């Protein structure tokens, strides 16, 4: 009998404080990787870490690439809803050199692959990385297992979290 994938996921709740610390740690790592002429954040998850990284690195030219692949619990096929502006896409000879791409998480690498195809010379950074997506990013802070489901603070409210031993993990 096949198991329900939602029941086998390891929950990893991330608080606002922890996410802010992790995004600032990403900025510290990126400080020596620039300079960056522009930033592209992958919406929606990349908006929050991009704001923090942009502040820390003094990046003012910020663009979005809008990709849809998740609903609140599952990942489907990724598709670009909105590409970066031609001003940003033309940087680095149209390959994105000098552009920093920021996302909250690289999971399977599907979204990252789409964005890399648009800006192949850009520097790709994510706060969290899973093993399948890790080869697609240049810089990340924390690696979690592929079967981990990260609960980001913008997706959750304050509620009781049962101890790991009671959650059957």
C-alpha atoms as a PDB file:
ATOM      1  CA  UNK A   1       0.000   0.000   0.000  1.00  0.00           C
ATOM      2  CA  UNK A   2       1.417   3.399  -1.015  1.00  0.00           C
ATOM      3  CA  UNK A   3       1.874   5.937   1.738  1.00  0.00           C
ATOM      4  CA  UNK A   4       0.449   9.428   1.592  1.00  0.00           C
ATOM      5  CA  UNK A   5       3.368  11.787   0.743  1.00  0.00           C
ATOM      6  CA  UNK A   6       1.876  14.518   2.935  1.00  0.00           C
ATOM      7  CA  UNK A   7       2.077  12.192   5.951  1.00  0.00           C
ATOM      8  CA  UNK A   8       5.743  11.303   5.288  1.00  0.00           C
ATOM      9  CA  UNK A   9       6.966  14.891   5.042  1.00  0.00           C
ATOM     10  CA  UNK A  10       9.097  16.216   7.859  1.00  0.00           C
ATOM     11  CA  UNK A  11       7.701  19.564   9.003  1.00  0.00           C
ATOM     12  CA  UNK A  12      10.211  22.402   9.414  1.00  0.00           C
ATOM     13  CA  UNK A  13       8.465  25.522  10.785  1.00  0.00           C
ATOM     14  CA  UNK A  14      10.495  28.708  10.328  1.00  0.00           C
ATOM     15  CA  UNK A  15       9.756  31.769  12.480  1.00  0.00           C
ATOM     16  CA  UNK A  16      10.040  35.360  11.286  1.00  0.00           C
ATOM     17  CA  UNK A  17      13.129  35.818  13.486  1.00  0.00           C
ATOM     18  CA  UNK A  18      14.827  32.738  12.114  1.00  0.00           C
ATOM     19  CA  UNK A  19      14.004  33.632   8.517  1.00  0.00           C
ATOM     20  CA  UNK A  20      15.348  37.163   8.999  1.00  0.00           C
ATOM     21  CA  UNK A  21      18.592  35.776  10.461  1.00  0.00           C
ATOM     22  CA  UNK A  22      18.924  33.274   7.603  1.00  0.00           C
ATOM     23  CA  UNK A  23      18.260  35.924   4.934  1.00  0.00           C
ATOM     24  CA  UNK A  24      20.864  38.229   6.531  1.00  0.00           C
ATOM     25  CA  UNK A  25      23.316  35.310   6.586  1.00  0.00           C
ATOM     26  CA  UNK A  26      22.640  34.896   2.865  1.00  0.00           C
ATOM     27  CA  UNK A  27      23.459  38.586   2.362  1.00  0.00           C
ATOM     28  CA  UNK A  28      26.750  38.122   4.261  1.00  0.00           C
ATOM     29  CA  UNK A  29      27.671  35.253   1.946  1.00  0.00           C
ATOM     30  CA  UNK A  30      26.702  37.245  -1.127  1.00  0.00           C
ATOM     31  CA  UNK A  31      28.626  40.375  -0.114  1.00  0.00           C
ATOM     32  CA  UNK A  32      31.824  39.000  -1.645  1.00  0.00           C
ATOM     33  CA  UNK A  33      30.154  37.489  -4.710  1.00  0.00           C
ATOM     34  CA  UNK A  34      29.129  40.770  -6.377  1.00  0.00           C
ATOM     35  CA  UNK A  35      29.010  43.446  -7.376  1.00  0.00           C
ATOM     36  CA  UNK A  36      25.432  43.096  -8.531  1.00  0.00           C
ATOM     37  CA  UNK A  37      23.909  45.643 -10.905  1.00  0.00           C
ATOM     38  CA  UNK A  38      20.388  44.351 -10.263  1.00  0.00           C
ATOM     39  CA  UNK A  39      18.389  41.800  -8.360  1.00  0.00           C
ATOM     40  CA  UNK A  40      15.645  39.534  -9.617  1.00  0.00           C
ATOM     41  CA  UNK A  41      13.435  37.927  -7.016  1.00  0.00           C
ATOM     42  CA  UNK A  42      11.314  34.921  -7.830  1.00  0.00           C
ATOM     43  CA  UNK A  43       7.783  35.529  -6.675  1.00  0.00           C
ATOM     44  CA  UNK A  44       6.232  34.997  -4.384  1.00  0.00           C
ATOM     45  CA  UNK A  45       8.600  33.262  -1.978  1.00  0.00           C
ATOM     46  CA  UNK A  46      11.630  35.275  -3.045  1.00  0.00           C
ATOM     47  CA  UNK A  47      10.044  38.641  -2.202  1.00  0.00           C
ATOM     48  CA  UNK A  48      10.827  38.578   1.521  1.00  0.00           C
ATOM     49  CA  UNK A  49      14.455  37.409   1.351  1.00  0.00           C
ATOM     50  CA  UNK A  50      15.055  39.732  -1.629  1.00  0.00           C
ATOM     51  CA  UNK A  51      13.960  42.750   0.421  1.00  0.00           C
ATOM     52  CA  UNK A  52      16.353  41.793   3.203  1.00  0.00           C
ATOM     53  CA  UNK A  53      19.277  41.029   0.874  1.00  0.00           C
ATOM     54  CA  UNK A  54      18.683  44.209  -1.158  1.00  0.00           C
ATOM     55  CA  UNK A  55      18.788  46.297   2.001  1.00  0.00           C
ATOM     56  CA  UNK A  56      21.951  44.639   3.272  1.00  0.00           C
ATOM     57  CA  UNK A  57      23.801  44.882  -0.057  1.00  0.00           C
ATOM     58  CA  UNK A  58      22.452  48.290  -1.119  1.00  0.00           C
ATOM     59  CA  UNK A  59      20.848  46.976  -4.311  1.00  0.00           C
ATOM     60  CA  UNK A  60      18.254  49.424  -5.693  1.00  0.00           C
ATOM     61  CA  UNK A  61      17.348  47.935  -9.095  1.00  0.00           C
ATOM     62  CA  UNK A  62      14.963  45.113  -8.191  1.00  0.00           C
ATOM     63  CA  UNK A  63      12.831  43.142 -10.620  1.00  0.00           C
ATOM     64  CA  UNK A  64      10.580  40.107 -10.348  1.00  0.00           C
ATOM     65  CA  UNK A  65      10.172  36.934 -12.295  1.00  0.00           C
ATOM     66  CA  UNK A  66       6.797  35.443 -11.525  1.00  0.00           C
ATOM     67  CA  UNK A  67       6.722  31.655 -11.562  1.00  0.00           C
ATOM     68  CA  UNK A  68       3.826  29.456 -10.501  1.00  0.00           C
ATOM     69  CA  UNK A  69       4.477  25.888  -9.412  1.00  0.00           C
ATOM     70  CA  UNK A  70       3.117  25.431  -5.874  1.00  0.00           C
ATOM     71  CA  UNK A  71      -0.196  25.607  -4.216  1.00  0.00           C
ATOM     72  CA  UNK A  72      -0.114  25.547  -0.426  1.00  0.00           C
ATOM     73  CA  UNK A  73       0.904  21.859  -0.210  1.00  0.00           C
ATOM     74  CA  UNK A  74       1.989  20.442  -3.567  1.00  0.00           C
ATOM     75  CA  UNK A  75       4.310  21.246  -6.423  1.00  0.00           C
ATOM     76  CA  UNK A  76       3.165  21.053 -10.038  1.00  0.00           C
ATOM     77  CA  UNK A  77       4.695  22.067 -13.347  1.00  0.00           C
ATOM     78  CA  UNK A  78       6.467  25.413 -13.170  1.00  0.00           C
ATOM     79  CA  UNK A  79       5.522  28.123 -15.625  1.00  0.00           C
ATOM     80  CA  UNK A  80       6.702  31.699 -16.064  1.00  0.00           C
ATOM     81  CA  UNK A  81       3.831  34.142 -15.605  1.00  0.00           C
ATOM     82  CA  UNK A  82       6.023  37.266 -15.957  1.00  0.00           C
ATOM     83  CA  UNK A  83       9.642  37.511 -17.100  1.00  0.00           C
ATOM     84  CA  UNK A  84      12.126  40.175 -15.990  1.00  0.00           C
ATOM     85  CA  UNK A  85      12.004  43.550 -17.715  1.00  0.00           C
ATOM     86  CA  UNK A  86      14.099  44.001 -20.847  1.00  0.00           C
ATOM     87  CA  UNK A  87      16.293  46.513 -18.929  1.00  0.00           C
ATOM     88  CA  UNK A  88      17.343  43.821 -16.469  1.00  0.00           C
ATOM     89  CA  UNK A  89      17.298  40.895 -18.911  1.00  0.00           C
ATOM     90  CA  UNK A  90      19.681  42.776 -21.227  1.00  0.00           C
ATOM     91  CA  UNK A  91      22.370  43.116 -18.543  1.00  0.00           C
ATOM     92  CA  UNK A  92      25.536  41.113 -19.065  1.00  0.00           C
ATOM     93  CA  UNK A  93      24.981  40.869 -22.802  1.00  0.00           C
ATOM     94  CA  UNK A  94      21.486  39.491 -22.321  1.00  0.00           C
ATOM     95  CA  UNK A  95      22.739  36.599 -20.195  1.00  0.00           C
ATOM     96  CA  UNK A  96      22.253  38.213 -16.770  1.00  0.00           C
ATOM     97  CA  UNK A  97      25.890  38.686 -15.755  1.00  0.00           C
ATOM     98  CA  UNK A  98      25.887  40.999 -12.735  1.00  0.00           C
ATOM     99  CA  UNK A  99      22.320  40.024 -11.804  1.00  0.00           C
ATOM    100  CA  UNK A 100      21.499  38.395  -8.478  1.00  0.00           C
ATOM    101  CA  UNK A 101      18.513  36.017  -8.456  1.00  0.00           C
ATOM    102  CA  UNK A 102      16.956  35.420  -5.022  1.00  0.00           C
ATOM    103  CA  UNK A 103      14.406  32.842  -3.899  1.00  0.00           C
ATOM    104  CA  UNK A 104      13.348  31.458  -0.535  1.00  0.00           C
ATOM    105  CA  UNK A 105      13.844  27.798  -1.450  1.00  0.00           C
ATOM    106  CA  UNK A 106      15.158  25.633  -4.238  1.00  0.00           C
ATOM    107  CA  UNK A 107      13.258  22.341  -4.018  1.00  0.00           C
ATOM    108  CA  UNK A 108      13.365  20.113  -7.098  1.00  0.00           C
ATOM    109  CA  UNK A 109      15.205  22.729  -9.156  1.00  0.00           C
ATOM    110  CA  UNK A 110      12.344  23.029 -11.627  1.00  0.00           C
ATOM    111  CA  UNK A 111      11.740  26.760 -11.010  1.00  0.00           C
ATOM    112  CA  UNK A 112      15.458  27.497 -10.820  1.00  0.00           C
ATOM    113  CA  UNK A 113      16.024  25.763 -14.156  1.00  0.00           C
ATOM    114  CA  UNK A 114      13.360  27.921 -15.828  1.00  0.00           C
ATOM    115  CA  UNK A 115      14.890  31.118 -14.430  1.00  0.00           C
ATOM    116  CA  UNK A 116      18.449  30.009 -15.255  1.00  0.00           C
ATOM    117  CA  UNK A 117      17.357  29.522 -18.870  1.00  0.00           C
ATOM    118  CA  UNK A 118      16.256  33.184 -18.911  1.00  0.00           C
ATOM    119  CA  UNK A 119      19.387  34.547 -17.160  1.00  0.00           C
ATOM    120  CA  UNK A 120      22.105  31.868 -17.497  1.00  0.00           C
ATOM    121  CA  UNK A 121      25.010  34.023 -16.261  1.00  0.00           C
ATOM    122  CA  UNK A 122      23.219  35.396 -13.177  1.00  0.00           C
ATOM    123  CA  UNK A 123      24.199  34.425  -9.635  1.00  0.00           C
ATOM    124  CA  UNK A 124      21.397  32.331  -8.117  1.00  0.00           C
ATOM    125  CA  UNK A 125      20.909  32.440  -4.329  1.00  0.00           C
ATOM    126  CA  UNK A 126      18.334  30.806  -2.058  1.00  0.00           C
ATOM    127  CA  UNK A 127      17.925  30.786   1.681  1.00  0.00           C
ATOM    128  CA  UNK A 128      17.124  27.056   1.800  1.00  0.00           C
ATOM    129  CA  UNK A 129      18.052  24.235  -0.572  1.00  0.00           C
ATOM    130  CA  UNK A 130      16.981  20.625  -0.966  1.00  0.00           C
ATOM    131  CA  UNK A 131      19.300  18.020  -2.530  1.00  0.00           C
ATOM    132  CA  UNK A 132      17.492  17.810  -5.890  1.00  0.00           C
ATOM    133  CA  UNK A 133      17.644  21.573  -6.407  1.00  0.00           C
ATOM    134  CA  UNK A 134      20.987  22.302  -4.793  1.00  0.00           C
ATOM    135  CA  UNK A 135      23.018  22.003  -8.036  1.00  0.00           C
ATOM    136  CA  UNK A 136      20.944  24.848  -9.506  1.00  0.00           C
ATOM    137  CA  UNK A 137      22.008  27.468  -6.914  1.00  0.00           C
ATOM    138  CA  UNK A 138      25.339  29.210  -6.469  1.00  0.00           C
ATOM    139  CA  UNK A 139      24.776  30.271  -2.853  1.00  0.00           C
ATOM    140  CA  UNK A 140      22.444  29.063  -0.101  1.00  0.00           C
ATOM    141  CA  UNK A 141      22.374  28.994   3.704  1.00  0.00           C
ATOM    142  CA  UNK A 142      20.669  25.829   4.935  1.00  0.00           C
ATOM    143  CA  UNK A 143      20.171  22.459   3.267  1.00  0.00           C
ATOM    144  CA  UNK A 144      17.188  20.388   4.328  1.00  0.00           C
ATOM    145  CA  UNK A 145      16.247  16.862   3.272  1.00  0.00           C
ATOM    146  CA  UNK A 146      14.120  16.371   0.176  1.00  0.00           C
ATOM    147  CA  UNK A 147      11.224  15.059   2.285  1.00  0.00           C
ATOM    148  CA  UNK A 148      11.155  18.196   4.466  1.00  0.00           C
ATOM    149  CA  UNK A 149       8.268  20.624   4.085  1.00  0.00           C
ATOM    150  CA  UNK A 150       9.239  24.135   5.167  1.00  0.00           C
ATOM    151  CA  UNK A 151       6.453  26.134   6.770  1.00  0.00           C
ATOM    152  CA  UNK A 152       7.415  29.749   6.087  1.00  0.00           C
ATOM    153  CA  UNK A 153       6.223  32.433   8.507  1.00  0.00           C
ATOM    154  CA  UNK A 154       4.060  34.146   5.871  1.00  0.00           C
ATOM    155  CA  UNK A 155       2.181  30.867   5.351  1.00  0.00           C
ATOM    156  CA  UNK A 156       1.458  30.069   8.989  1.00  0.00           C
ATOM    157  CA  UNK A 157      -0.126  31.527  12.086  1.00  0.00           C
ATOM    158  CA  UNK A 158       0.876  31.047  15.665  1.00  0.00           C
ATOM    159  CA  UNK A 159      -0.312  27.653  16.807  1.00  0.00           C
ATOM    160  CA  UNK A 160       0.781  24.749  18.931  1.00  0.00           C
ATOM    161  CA  UNK A 161       3.347  22.427  17.347  1.00  0.00           C
ATOM    162  CA  UNK A 162       3.233  18.856  18.674  1.00  0.00           C
ATOM    163  CA  UNK A 163       6.552  17.334  19.775  1.00  0.00           C
ATOM    164  CA  UNK A 164       8.344  15.380  17.019  1.00  0.00           C
ATOM    165  CA  UNK A 165       7.831  12.083  18.870  1.00  0.00           C
ATOM    166  CA  UNK A 166       4.044  12.659  18.882  1.00  0.00           C
ATOM    167  CA  UNK A 167       3.949  13.606  15.192  1.00  0.00           C
ATOM    168  CA  UNK A 168       5.165  10.109  14.297  1.00  0.00           C
ATOM    169  CA  UNK A 169       8.497  11.230  12.850  1.00  0.00           C
END
